[in-house]
N, C-alpha and C. Protein backbone atom coordinates (compact mmCIF):
# COMPACT_ATOMS: atom_id res chain seq x y z
N MET A 1 0.85 -1.31 0.02
CA MET A 1 0.23 -0.14 0.00
C MET A 1 0.85 1.36 0.04
N SER A 2 0.64 1.87 -0.66
CA SER A 2 1.12 3.50 -1.39
C SER A 2 1.14 4.37 0.55
N ALA A 3 1.70 4.78 0.76
CA ALA A 3 2.05 5.47 2.09
C ALA A 3 0.77 7.26 1.80
N VAL A 4 1.00 7.56 0.34
CA VAL A 4 0.38 8.62 0.53
C VAL A 4 -1.03 8.47 0.79
N SER A 5 -1.72 7.08 0.14
CA SER A 5 -2.99 6.92 -0.06
C SER A 5 -3.47 6.41 1.70
N ALA A 6 -2.94 6.24 2.30
CA ALA A 6 -3.26 5.49 4.26
C ALA A 6 -3.55 6.18 4.50
N THR A 7 -4.21 5.89 5.68
CA THR A 7 -5.00 6.53 7.15
C THR A 7 -3.82 6.06 8.16
N ALA A 8 -4.33 6.78 9.52
CA ALA A 8 -3.73 6.17 10.66
C ALA A 8 -4.18 6.62 11.81
N LEU A 9 -4.07 6.09 12.76
CA LEU A 9 -4.78 6.56 14.26
C LEU A 9 -3.58 6.52 15.10
N ILE A 10 -3.39 7.38 16.00
CA ILE A 10 -2.59 7.53 16.94
C ILE A 10 -2.77 7.53 18.28
N ILE A 11 -2.42 6.29 19.13
CA ILE A 11 -2.84 6.45 20.48
C ILE A 11 -1.28 7.09 21.28
N ASP A 12 -1.85 7.47 21.98
CA ASP A 12 -0.81 8.22 22.99
C ASP A 12 -1.04 9.11 24.19
N ARG A 13 -0.37 9.03 25.26
CA ARG A 13 -1.42 9.73 26.57
C ARG A 13 -0.75 10.92 26.11
N TRP A 14 0.20 11.58 25.66
CA TRP A 14 0.85 13.03 25.58
C TRP A 14 0.56 13.86 24.17
N ALA A 15 0.06 14.78 24.32
CA ALA A 15 -0.43 15.63 23.28
C ALA A 15 0.87 15.88 22.04
N LEU A 16 1.70 16.41 23.11
CA LEU A 16 2.79 16.60 21.75
C LEU A 16 3.61 15.64 21.26
N VAL A 17 3.52 14.58 21.98
CA VAL A 17 3.62 13.41 21.39
C VAL A 17 3.17 13.01 19.93
N ARG A 18 1.84 13.08 20.38
CA ARG A 18 0.95 13.17 18.89
C ARG A 18 1.20 13.79 17.91
N LEU A 19 1.37 14.89 18.27
CA LEU A 19 1.58 15.77 17.51
C LEU A 19 2.69 15.69 16.89
N GLY A 20 3.80 15.56 17.44
CA GLY A 20 5.28 14.99 16.72
C GLY A 20 4.76 13.87 15.45
N ILE A 21 4.22 13.02 16.01
CA ILE A 21 3.89 11.52 15.20
C ILE A 21 3.19 12.25 13.60
N THR A 22 1.98 13.23 14.41
CA THR A 22 1.24 13.65 13.12
C THR A 22 2.13 14.18 12.30
N ALA A 23 2.72 15.00 12.90
CA ALA A 23 3.74 15.82 11.62
C ALA A 23 4.57 14.77 10.80
N VAL A 24 5.21 13.66 11.23
CA VAL A 24 5.84 12.59 10.63
C VAL A 24 5.19 12.15 9.84
N LEU A 25 3.88 11.65 9.93
CA LEU A 25 2.95 11.10 8.98
C LEU A 25 2.27 11.79 7.78
N ARG A 26 2.10 13.06 8.44
CA ARG A 26 1.87 13.90 7.31
C ARG A 26 2.81 14.30 6.29
N SER A 27 3.66 14.35 6.88
CA SER A 27 5.25 14.58 5.66
C SER A 27 5.45 13.45 4.71
N ALA A 28 4.48 12.25 5.42
CA ALA A 28 4.82 10.60 4.73
C ALA A 28 3.84 10.93 3.84
N GLY A 29 2.87 11.78 3.80
CA GLY A 29 1.72 11.77 2.58
C GLY A 29 0.43 10.78 3.30
N VAL A 30 0.94 10.46 4.92
CA VAL A 30 -0.21 9.72 5.32
C VAL A 30 -1.52 10.30 6.39
N ARG A 31 -2.40 10.19 5.56
CA ARG A 31 -3.19 11.29 6.40
C ARG A 31 -3.92 10.63 7.77
N VAL A 32 -3.95 11.42 8.43
CA VAL A 32 -4.26 11.12 10.11
C VAL A 32 -5.91 11.44 10.81
N VAL A 33 -6.56 10.22 10.46
CA VAL A 33 -7.80 10.12 10.71
C VAL A 33 -8.21 10.02 11.99
N GLY A 34 -7.75 10.33 13.00
CA GLY A 34 -7.98 9.94 14.60
C GLY A 34 -6.92 10.16 15.43
N GLU A 35 -7.12 10.34 16.56
CA GLU A 35 -6.00 10.40 18.04
C GLU A 35 -6.65 10.11 19.37
N SER A 36 -5.97 9.60 20.27
CA SER A 36 -7.05 9.46 21.26
C SER A 36 -5.56 9.12 22.40
N GLU A 37 -5.59 9.82 23.49
CA GLU A 37 -4.87 9.71 25.07
C GLU A 37 -5.29 8.59 25.35
N HIS A 38 -6.49 7.73 25.29
CA HIS A 38 -6.37 6.77 25.74
C HIS A 38 -6.64 5.43 24.94
N GLY A 39 -6.44 4.26 25.55
CA GLY A 39 -6.55 3.09 24.76
C GLY A 39 -7.70 2.90 24.28
N ARG A 40 -8.83 2.59 25.14
CA ARG A 40 -10.09 2.18 24.91
C ARG A 40 -10.60 3.27 23.83
N ASP A 41 -10.59 4.29 24.15
CA ASP A 41 -11.36 5.27 23.34
C ASP A 41 -10.59 5.17 21.72
N GLY A 42 -9.40 5.12 21.99
CA GLY A 42 -8.44 4.79 20.31
C GLY A 42 -8.96 3.45 19.85
N MET A 43 -9.36 2.58 20.36
CA MET A 43 -10.13 1.47 19.93
C MET A 43 -11.28 1.48 19.51
N LEU A 44 -12.09 2.50 20.31
CA LEU A 44 -13.45 2.84 19.52
C LEU A 44 -13.42 3.67 18.34
N ALA A 45 -12.24 4.63 18.55
CA ALA A 45 -12.50 5.26 17.34
C ALA A 45 -11.92 4.54 15.80
N ALA A 46 -10.59 3.55 16.21
CA ALA A 46 -9.88 3.02 15.05
C ALA A 46 -11.48 1.60 14.47
N VAL A 47 -12.12 1.14 15.35
CA VAL A 47 -13.41 0.58 14.87
C VAL A 47 -14.52 1.64 13.69
N HIS A 48 -14.63 2.75 14.11
CA HIS A 48 -14.96 3.42 13.22
C HIS A 48 -14.24 4.17 11.76
N ALA A 49 -13.20 4.63 12.19
CA ALA A 49 -11.95 5.14 11.04
C ALA A 49 -11.72 4.26 10.41
N HIS A 50 -11.84 2.81 10.77
CA HIS A 50 -10.95 2.02 9.62
C HIS A 50 -9.89 2.23 9.44
N PRO A 51 -8.40 2.46 10.41
CA PRO A 51 -6.98 3.17 9.62
C PRO A 51 -6.14 2.25 9.35
N ASP A 52 -5.65 2.12 8.08
CA ASP A 52 -4.63 1.46 7.64
C ASP A 52 -3.61 1.23 8.86
N LEU A 53 -3.28 2.11 9.39
CA LEU A 53 -2.15 2.18 10.58
C LEU A 53 -2.81 2.64 11.96
N LEU A 54 -2.07 1.79 13.11
CA LEU A 54 -2.39 1.92 14.09
C LEU A 54 -0.85 2.45 14.71
N ILE A 55 -0.68 3.35 14.96
CA ILE A 55 0.46 3.78 16.10
C ILE A 55 0.09 3.68 17.39
N ALA A 56 0.49 3.01 18.32
CA ALA A 56 0.62 3.10 19.76
C ALA A 56 1.60 3.02 20.43
N GLY A 57 1.49 4.10 21.48
CA GLY A 57 2.81 4.72 22.32
C GLY A 57 2.66 4.15 23.50
N LEU A 58 2.97 5.52 24.74
CA LEU A 58 2.35 5.49 25.74
C LEU A 58 1.27 5.40 26.40
N ILE A 59 0.44 4.34 26.83
CA ILE A 59 -0.99 4.22 27.20
C ILE A 59 -1.15 3.58 28.49
N ASP A 60 -1.83 4.52 28.99
CA ASP A 60 -2.28 4.11 30.41
C ASP A 60 -3.30 2.54 31.00
N ASP A 61 -4.48 2.95 29.95
CA ASP A 61 -5.64 1.64 30.34
C ASP A 61 -5.40 0.64 29.25
N LEU A 62 -4.55 0.62 28.85
CA LEU A 62 -4.61 -0.81 28.08
C LEU A 62 -2.78 -1.19 28.03
N SER A 63 -2.41 -2.17 27.79
CA SER A 63 -1.10 -2.32 27.62
C SER A 63 -0.95 -2.31 26.49
N ALA A 64 0.40 -2.80 25.51
CA ALA A 64 0.46 -2.57 24.10
C ALA A 64 0.22 -3.63 23.86
N ALA A 65 0.19 -4.73 24.46
CA ALA A 65 -0.19 -6.22 23.95
C ALA A 65 -1.87 -6.22 23.39
N GLU A 66 -2.44 -5.80 24.45
CA GLU A 66 -3.51 -5.84 24.67
C GLU A 66 -4.45 -4.73 23.45
N VAL A 67 -3.40 -3.46 23.23
CA VAL A 67 -4.04 -2.78 22.07
C VAL A 67 -3.68 -3.61 20.79
N VAL A 68 -2.92 -4.03 20.52
CA VAL A 68 -2.36 -5.04 19.38
C VAL A 68 -3.75 -6.16 19.03
N ARG A 69 -3.32 -6.79 20.51
CA ARG A 69 -4.60 -8.32 20.04
C ARG A 69 -5.79 -7.55 20.00
N GLN A 70 -6.45 -6.05 20.51
CA GLN A 70 -8.01 -6.14 19.98
C GLN A 70 -8.04 -5.31 18.21
N ALA A 71 -6.71 -4.24 18.12
CA ALA A 71 -6.67 -3.79 16.42
C ALA A 71 -6.84 -5.84 15.68
N LYS A 72 -6.02 -6.20 16.00
CA LYS A 72 -6.30 -7.28 15.21
C LYS A 72 -7.43 -7.85 15.16
N ALA A 73 -8.04 -7.79 15.94
CA ALA A 73 -9.35 -8.72 15.98
C ALA A 73 -10.59 -7.64 15.72
N LEU A 74 -10.26 -6.42 14.83
CA LEU A 74 -11.37 -5.55 14.05
C LEU A 74 -11.68 -6.45 12.78
N GLU A 75 -12.83 -5.90 12.17
CA GLU A 75 -13.10 -6.25 11.06
C GLU A 75 -12.33 -6.16 9.79
N SER A 76 -11.64 -4.92 9.94
CA SER A 76 -10.66 -4.47 8.98
C SER A 76 -9.27 -4.10 9.74
N PRO A 77 -8.75 -5.24 10.58
CA PRO A 77 -7.41 -4.97 11.05
C PRO A 77 -6.25 -3.91 10.29
N PRO A 78 -6.33 -2.79 11.22
CA PRO A 78 -4.81 -2.33 11.02
C PRO A 78 -3.50 -2.56 11.00
N SER A 79 -2.44 -2.34 10.57
CA SER A 79 -0.82 -2.46 10.71
C SER A 79 -0.84 -1.97 11.82
N VAL A 80 0.18 -2.85 12.51
CA VAL A 80 0.11 -1.46 14.11
C VAL A 80 1.98 -1.46 14.16
N ILE A 81 2.32 -0.12 14.47
CA ILE A 81 3.64 -0.18 15.23
C ILE A 81 3.67 0.17 16.56
N CYS A 82 4.18 0.01 17.47
CA CYS A 82 4.45 0.06 19.04
C CYS A 82 5.75 1.15 19.08
N LEU A 83 5.52 1.89 19.96
CA LEU A 83 6.57 2.62 20.13
C LEU A 83 7.02 2.46 21.76
N VAL A 84 7.72 2.06 22.10
CA VAL A 84 8.02 1.32 23.37
C VAL A 84 9.05 2.43 24.19
N THR A 85 9.22 2.48 25.43
CA THR A 85 10.58 3.12 26.21
C THR A 85 11.16 1.85 26.80
N GLN A 86 9.94 0.76 27.22
CA GLN A 86 11.39 -0.44 27.70
C GLN A 86 10.73 -1.76 27.64
N LEU A 87 11.03 -2.75 27.63
CA LEU A 87 10.65 -4.12 27.14
C LEU A 87 11.47 -5.22 27.50
N ASP A 88 10.92 -6.49 28.05
CA ASP A 88 11.77 -7.64 28.02
C ASP A 88 11.79 -8.15 26.99
N ARG A 89 12.78 -9.54 26.85
CA ARG A 89 12.54 -10.64 25.73
C ARG A 89 11.27 -10.36 25.60
N ASN A 90 10.33 -11.23 26.72
CA ASN A 90 9.00 -11.62 26.61
C ASN A 90 7.93 -10.90 26.19
N GLU A 91 8.11 -9.73 26.37
CA GLU A 91 7.13 -8.46 25.83
C GLU A 91 7.05 -8.55 24.59
N LEU A 92 8.20 -8.13 23.92
CA LEU A 92 8.84 -8.30 22.48
C LEU A 92 8.22 -9.40 21.79
N ASN A 93 8.61 -10.38 22.44
CA ASN A 93 8.02 -11.73 21.84
C ASN A 93 6.55 -12.00 21.65
N GLU A 94 5.79 -11.46 22.75
CA GLU A 94 4.32 -11.30 22.47
C GLU A 94 3.82 -10.56 21.74
N LEU A 95 4.42 -9.48 21.61
CA LEU A 95 4.15 -8.17 20.62
C LEU A 95 4.21 -9.12 18.92
N LEU A 96 4.99 -9.64 18.68
CA LEU A 96 5.19 -10.32 17.39
C LEU A 96 4.39 -11.15 16.99
N SER A 97 4.24 -11.72 18.52
CA SER A 97 3.16 -13.19 18.12
C SER A 97 2.15 -12.92 18.18
N LEU A 98 1.43 -11.37 18.15
CA LEU A 98 0.18 -11.23 17.95
C LEU A 98 0.20 -10.62 16.87
N GLY A 99 0.90 -10.38 15.98
CA GLY A 99 0.99 -9.88 14.85
C GLY A 99 1.61 -8.40 14.39
N THR A 100 2.36 -7.83 15.68
CA THR A 100 2.77 -6.43 15.36
C THR A 100 3.46 -5.98 14.27
N GLU A 101 3.06 -5.41 13.36
CA GLU A 101 4.31 -4.94 12.09
C GLU A 101 5.56 -4.33 12.36
N GLY A 102 5.35 -3.34 13.40
CA GLY A 102 6.76 -2.75 14.03
C GLY A 102 6.60 -2.31 15.52
N VAL A 103 8.14 -2.18 15.54
CA VAL A 103 8.18 -2.00 16.91
C VAL A 103 9.44 -1.13 17.14
N LEU A 104 9.34 0.23 17.38
CA LEU A 104 10.36 0.89 17.72
C LEU A 104 10.75 1.98 19.38
N VAL A 105 11.52 2.03 19.52
CA VAL A 105 11.79 2.84 20.45
C VAL A 105 10.90 4.30 20.49
N ARG A 106 9.94 4.70 21.62
CA ARG A 106 9.47 5.63 21.57
C ARG A 106 10.48 7.00 21.43
N ALA A 107 11.25 7.03 21.59
CA ALA A 107 12.26 7.86 21.37
C ALA A 107 12.80 8.36 20.00
N ALA A 108 12.78 7.26 18.86
CA ALA A 108 13.01 7.30 17.68
C ALA A 108 12.88 8.72 16.88
N ALA A 109 13.81 9.02 16.03
CA ALA A 109 14.04 9.91 15.02
C ALA A 109 12.82 9.73 14.38
N GLY A 110 12.35 11.05 13.81
CA GLY A 110 11.32 11.18 13.06
C GLY A 110 11.49 10.68 11.62
N ASP A 111 12.84 10.26 10.90
CA ASP A 111 12.96 10.01 9.99
C ASP A 111 12.87 8.23 10.47
N GLU A 112 13.36 7.94 11.16
CA GLU A 112 13.03 6.61 11.58
C GLU A 112 11.46 6.30 11.39
N LEU A 113 10.91 6.89 12.24
CA LEU A 113 9.32 6.36 12.12
C LEU A 113 8.81 6.61 10.94
N ALA A 114 9.03 7.45 9.70
CA ALA A 114 8.97 7.84 8.38
C ALA A 114 9.35 6.22 8.03
N THR A 115 10.70 6.03 8.30
CA THR A 115 11.06 4.91 7.34
C THR A 115 10.23 3.40 7.75
N ALA A 116 10.17 3.35 9.15
CA ALA A 116 9.48 2.11 9.43
C ALA A 116 7.81 2.20 8.91
N VAL A 117 6.93 3.41 9.05
CA VAL A 117 5.73 3.62 7.98
C VAL A 117 5.80 3.11 6.63
N ALA A 118 6.54 3.49 6.23
CA ALA A 118 6.50 3.15 4.70
C ALA A 118 7.20 1.74 4.97
N ALA A 119 7.57 0.98 5.66
CA ALA A 119 8.13 -0.19 5.21
C ALA A 119 6.99 -0.76 5.66
N VAL A 120 6.02 -0.59 6.64
CA VAL A 120 5.10 -1.14 7.11
C VAL A 120 3.59 -1.62 6.54
N LEU A 121 3.65 -0.06 5.41
CA LEU A 121 2.38 0.19 4.92
C LEU A 121 2.98 -0.70 3.62
N ASP A 122 4.11 -1.10 3.19
CA ASP A 122 4.55 -1.75 2.22
C ASP A 122 4.92 -3.29 2.30
N GLY A 123 4.18 -3.73 3.64
CA GLY A 123 3.97 -4.79 3.97
C GLY A 123 5.05 -5.82 4.52
N GLU A 124 6.11 -4.83 5.22
CA GLU A 124 7.35 -5.52 5.92
C GLU A 124 6.76 -5.14 7.00
N ARG A 125 8.35 -5.65 7.53
CA ARG A 125 8.04 -5.86 9.32
C ARG A 125 9.08 -4.49 9.09
N SER A 126 9.37 -3.80 10.66
CA SER A 126 10.26 -2.69 10.81
C SER A 126 10.33 -3.28 12.10
N LEU A 127 11.64 -3.43 13.07
CA LEU A 127 11.92 -4.09 13.99
C LEU A 127 13.40 -3.47 14.41
N SER A 128 13.46 -2.42 14.92
CA SER A 128 14.73 -1.08 15.34
C SER A 128 15.66 -2.22 15.97
N PRO A 129 16.87 -1.92 16.04
CA PRO A 129 18.29 -2.54 16.15
C PRO A 129 17.89 -1.75 18.25
N ALA A 130 17.78 -0.68 17.97
CA ALA A 130 17.49 -0.01 19.64
C ALA A 130 16.29 -0.98 20.22
N VAL A 131 15.52 -1.58 19.45
CA VAL A 131 14.43 -2.60 20.10
C VAL A 131 15.27 -3.80 20.77
N LEU A 132 15.67 -4.15 19.96
CA LEU A 132 16.33 -5.80 19.81
C LEU A 132 17.45 -5.04 21.49
N ALA A 133 18.38 -4.15 21.34
CA ALA A 133 18.99 -4.10 22.52
C ALA A 133 18.15 -3.94 23.74
N LEU A 134 17.29 -3.33 23.67
CA LEU A 134 16.41 -3.11 25.13
C LEU A 134 16.07 -4.45 25.45
N ALA A 135 15.76 -5.79 24.56
CA ALA A 135 15.07 -6.86 24.67
C ALA A 135 16.29 -7.91 24.72
N ALA A 136 17.51 -7.27 24.73
CA ALA A 136 18.80 -8.25 25.00
C ALA A 136 18.89 -9.06 26.23
N HIS A 137 18.24 -8.74 27.58
CA HIS A 137 18.88 -9.08 28.62
C HIS A 137 17.25 -9.51 29.14
N GLY A 138 16.51 -9.63 28.44
CA GLY A 138 15.16 -9.88 28.74
C GLY A 138 15.38 -11.17 30.12
N PRO A 139 14.41 -11.62 30.48
CA PRO A 139 14.37 -12.76 31.51
C PRO A 139 14.11 -14.22 30.69
N GLU A 140 14.12 -15.26 30.97
CA GLU A 140 14.25 -16.64 30.26
C GLU A 140 12.97 -16.69 29.80
N VAL A 141 12.34 -17.72 28.46
CA VAL A 141 11.76 -17.65 27.80
C VAL A 141 11.43 -19.09 28.08
N GLY A 142 10.36 -19.71 28.16
CA GLY A 142 9.92 -20.75 28.18
C GLY A 142 10.79 -22.05 29.31
N GLY A 143 11.83 -21.66 29.85
CA GLY A 143 12.32 -22.35 30.68
C GLY A 143 13.95 -22.24 30.04
N LEU A 144 14.33 -21.79 28.63
CA LEU A 144 15.61 -21.47 28.13
C LEU A 144 15.79 -20.16 28.33
N ALA A 145 17.18 -19.99 28.95
CA ALA A 145 17.56 -18.79 28.82
C ALA A 145 18.12 -18.23 27.77
N ALA A 146 18.22 -17.06 27.48
CA ALA A 146 18.84 -16.54 26.24
C ALA A 146 20.46 -17.25 25.90
N GLY A 147 20.71 -17.33 25.07
CA GLY A 147 21.67 -17.67 24.75
C GLY A 147 22.36 -19.12 25.37
N ALA A 148 21.43 -19.50 25.79
CA ALA A 148 21.74 -21.09 26.68
C ALA A 148 21.67 -21.86 25.39
N ASP A 149 22.38 -22.59 25.20
CA ASP A 149 22.56 -23.43 23.91
C ASP A 149 21.62 -23.78 22.57
N THR A 150 22.06 -22.18 22.35
CA THR A 150 21.43 -21.32 20.97
C THR A 150 22.75 -21.19 20.02
N ASP A 151 23.31 -21.40 20.65
CA ASP A 151 25.13 -20.43 19.71
C ASP A 151 25.02 -21.95 18.37
N ALA A 152 24.93 -22.95 18.44
CA ALA A 152 24.87 -24.15 17.82
C ALA A 152 23.99 -24.35 17.23
N LEU A 153 22.33 -23.61 17.33
CA LEU A 153 21.01 -23.90 16.77
C LEU A 153 20.98 -23.96 15.21
N LEU A 154 21.66 -22.64 15.05
CA LEU A 154 21.67 -22.30 13.33
C LEU A 154 23.07 -22.20 12.95
N THR A 155 22.96 -21.94 11.57
CA THR A 155 24.22 -21.82 11.08
C THR A 155 24.56 -20.49 11.06
N THR A 156 25.89 -19.84 10.50
CA THR A 156 25.88 -18.59 10.42
C THR A 156 25.16 -17.88 9.11
N LYS A 157 25.14 -18.78 8.20
CA LYS A 157 24.12 -18.14 7.14
C LYS A 157 22.99 -18.36 7.52
N GLU A 158 22.27 -18.91 8.10
CA GLU A 158 21.06 -19.13 8.52
C GLU A 158 20.77 -17.79 9.51
N ARG A 159 21.83 -17.56 10.46
CA ARG A 159 21.45 -16.24 10.92
C ARG A 159 21.57 -14.87 10.42
N GLU A 160 22.28 -15.03 9.32
CA GLU A 160 22.27 -14.12 8.37
C GLU A 160 20.71 -13.84 7.64
N VAL A 161 20.19 -15.07 7.01
CA VAL A 161 18.69 -14.95 6.95
C VAL A 161 17.99 -14.71 7.34
N LEU A 162 17.88 -14.97 9.40
CA LEU A 162 17.16 -14.81 9.84
C LEU A 162 17.40 -13.37 10.24
N ALA A 163 18.17 -12.61 9.96
CA ALA A 163 18.32 -11.21 10.49
C ALA A 163 17.66 -10.42 9.65
N MET A 164 18.22 -10.51 8.43
CA MET A 164 17.49 -10.17 7.27
C MET A 164 15.75 -9.88 7.33
N LEU A 165 15.18 -11.34 7.66
CA LEU A 165 13.99 -11.78 7.73
C LEU A 165 13.27 -10.89 8.59
N ALA A 166 14.17 -10.34 9.90
CA ALA A 166 13.46 -9.33 10.89
C ALA A 166 13.43 -7.87 10.62
N ALA A 167 13.97 -7.83 9.61
CA ALA A 167 14.02 -6.68 9.29
C ALA A 167 13.06 -6.57 8.31
N GLY A 168 12.71 -7.27 7.59
CA GLY A 168 11.68 -7.18 6.79
C GLY A 168 11.48 -7.25 5.83
N SER A 169 13.23 -8.01 5.19
CA SER A 169 13.22 -8.36 3.75
C SER A 169 12.88 -9.34 3.18
N ALA A 170 12.61 -9.35 1.49
CA ALA A 170 11.90 -10.46 1.23
C ALA A 170 12.62 -11.13 0.52
N ASN A 171 12.38 -12.46 -0.05
CA ASN A 171 13.39 -13.38 -0.22
C ASN A 171 14.32 -13.00 -1.26
N LYS A 172 13.68 -12.33 -2.44
CA LYS A 172 14.30 -11.64 -3.11
C LYS A 172 15.82 -10.43 -3.00
N GLU A 173 15.45 -10.14 -1.82
CA GLU A 173 16.18 -8.97 -1.54
C GLU A 173 17.65 -9.57 -0.38
N ILE A 174 16.88 -10.70 0.01
CA ILE A 174 17.92 -11.77 1.08
C ILE A 174 18.96 -12.20 -0.11
N ALA A 175 18.39 -12.96 -1.24
CA ALA A 175 19.06 -13.54 -2.12
C ALA A 175 20.39 -12.80 -2.80
N ASP A 176 19.67 -11.64 -3.00
CA ASP A 176 20.94 -10.19 -3.82
C ASP A 176 21.71 -10.22 -2.87
N ALA A 177 21.23 -9.74 -1.33
CA ALA A 177 22.40 -9.23 -0.63
C ALA A 177 23.49 -10.50 0.00
N LEU A 178 23.23 -11.93 0.35
CA LEU A 178 23.71 -12.96 0.30
C LEU A 178 24.31 -13.39 -0.65
N TYR A 179 24.48 -12.97 -1.94
CA TYR A 179 25.11 -13.66 -3.24
C TYR A 179 24.14 -15.02 -3.50
N VAL A 180 23.21 -15.36 -3.18
CA VAL A 180 22.55 -16.50 -3.42
C VAL A 180 21.37 -16.55 -4.04
N THR A 181 20.89 -18.11 -4.63
CA THR A 181 19.62 -17.61 -5.34
C THR A 181 18.80 -17.76 -4.73
N PRO A 182 17.26 -17.26 -4.75
CA PRO A 182 15.67 -16.97 -3.97
C PRO A 182 15.79 -19.08 -3.74
N ALA A 183 16.28 -19.88 -4.52
CA ALA A 183 15.90 -21.25 -3.97
C ALA A 183 16.34 -21.19 -3.19
N THR A 184 17.70 -20.85 -2.77
CA THR A 184 18.47 -21.09 -1.57
C THR A 184 17.84 -20.78 -0.58
N VAL A 185 17.79 -19.14 -0.56
CA VAL A 185 17.17 -18.74 0.40
C VAL A 185 15.54 -19.35 1.01
N LYS A 186 15.10 -20.22 0.45
CA LYS A 186 13.96 -20.86 0.49
C LYS A 186 14.47 -21.76 1.38
N THR A 187 15.33 -22.75 1.11
CA THR A 187 15.91 -23.71 1.49
C THR A 187 16.57 -23.40 3.37
N HIS A 188 17.34 -22.37 3.50
CA HIS A 188 17.73 -21.61 4.48
C HIS A 188 16.54 -21.64 5.38
N LEU A 189 15.49 -20.63 4.41
CA LEU A 189 14.20 -20.79 5.37
C LEU A 189 13.39 -22.02 5.69
N SER A 190 13.65 -22.93 5.27
CA SER A 190 13.00 -24.46 5.74
C SER A 190 13.47 -24.78 7.03
N HIS A 191 14.95 -24.76 6.46
CA HIS A 191 15.82 -25.06 7.76
C HIS A 191 15.54 -24.26 9.59
N ILE A 192 15.05 -23.43 8.84
CA ILE A 192 14.94 -22.32 10.05
C ILE A 192 13.90 -22.42 11.07
N TYR A 193 12.67 -22.57 9.89
CA TYR A 193 11.79 -23.08 10.41
C TYR A 193 11.62 -24.55 11.29
N ASN A 194 12.26 -25.33 10.47
CA ASN A 194 12.47 -26.57 11.42
C ASN A 194 13.07 -26.81 12.66
N LYS A 195 14.52 -25.81 12.36
CA LYS A 195 14.85 -25.64 14.17
C LYS A 195 13.99 -24.94 14.86
N LEU A 196 13.94 -23.76 14.58
CA LEU A 196 12.81 -23.27 15.69
C LEU A 196 11.43 -23.57 15.78
N GLY A 197 11.23 -24.77 15.20
CA GLY A 197 9.59 -25.29 15.54
C GLY A 197 8.90 -24.47 15.56
N VAL A 198 8.61 -23.57 13.70
CA VAL A 198 8.17 -22.54 13.40
C VAL A 198 7.60 -22.80 12.10
N GLY A 199 6.46 -22.49 11.93
CA GLY A 199 6.00 -22.91 10.59
C GLY A 199 5.86 -21.16 9.56
N ASP A 200 6.37 -20.40 9.68
CA ASP A 200 6.39 -19.22 8.85
C ASP A 200 7.37 -18.06 9.33
N ARG A 201 7.23 -16.96 8.87
CA ARG A 201 8.62 -15.68 8.91
C ARG A 201 7.74 -15.48 10.36
N HIS A 202 6.61 -14.69 10.64
CA HIS A 202 6.75 -14.24 11.66
C HIS A 202 6.84 -15.04 13.08
N GLU A 203 6.51 -16.49 12.62
CA GLU A 203 6.53 -16.91 14.20
C GLU A 203 8.28 -17.28 14.05
N ALA A 204 8.99 -17.38 13.07
CA ALA A 204 10.28 -17.13 13.13
C ALA A 204 11.20 -16.45 13.97
N VAL A 205 10.73 -15.35 13.39
CA VAL A 205 11.19 -14.14 14.16
C VAL A 205 11.06 -13.92 15.75
N ALA A 206 9.57 -14.01 15.95
CA ALA A 206 9.06 -14.22 16.99
C ALA A 206 9.99 -15.16 17.98
N ARG A 207 10.05 -16.46 17.27
CA ARG A 207 11.03 -17.17 18.61
C ARG A 207 12.06 -17.01 18.38
N ALA A 208 12.91 -16.27 17.32
CA ALA A 208 13.94 -16.35 17.48
C ALA A 208 14.43 -15.25 18.59
N VAL A 209 13.56 -13.88 18.47
CA VAL A 209 13.80 -12.99 19.44
C VAL A 209 13.44 -13.35 20.86
N ALA A 210 12.35 -13.99 20.95
CA ALA A 210 12.63 -15.04 22.43
C ALA A 210 13.52 -15.69 23.20
N LEU A 211 14.26 -16.29 21.77
CA LEU A 211 15.53 -17.01 22.13
C LEU A 211 17.07 -16.16 22.23
N GLY A 212 16.72 -14.60 22.02
CA GLY A 212 18.16 -14.04 21.72
C GLY A 212 18.99 -14.22 20.91
N LEU A 213 18.60 -14.75 19.98
CA LEU A 213 19.17 -15.37 18.58
C LEU A 213 19.33 -13.73 17.82
N LEU A 214 18.66 -12.76 17.72
CA LEU A 214 18.55 -11.35 17.17
C LEU A 214 19.48 -10.19 18.41
N ALA A 215 19.63 -10.85 19.26
CA ALA A 215 19.71 -9.47 20.07
C ALA A 215 21.65 -9.17 19.63
């Protein structure tokens, strides 16, 4: 979807933050169709406005995960970008598992947000390095501590493919960057899915974050 024809709704407790996000969106050609300081009011607005994109920042009455959960349950679910101040590996894994398309730190620069918006509206995922750094020292996940017995889980090439997968790269982009064929990328992805016990790209990135493979 072209950003120029897209609509967005913003939820954040601070008016100045919403104003800044609005300015970034408008500069990218995205039309803001609503904003709210409260999560519940914002979700009600989303029901009526049918935005293409929902940006969720600091919210008092709903967790980021609950905002994503409710957004994805809408009749016309929007893409979601969460702006976080802090989170651990479990929380990031939950956001990704729920279908969050973008996760950035709330202090991200305007151009970083604009780039993420364009990527998400183009069907890609946007997960900033700063977010991975925040989650790098999170708690254990599913009884397996980050880094424990995971060094040999994936090959070096598989880790490279996984990193590009997390950045939202398409198969052809990964192939071009790694100087391999798209068929080889598909083979790597198949091996990654099998090793991580997942069924698709979305689950692979979530599981990799949970295990600390992307930290």
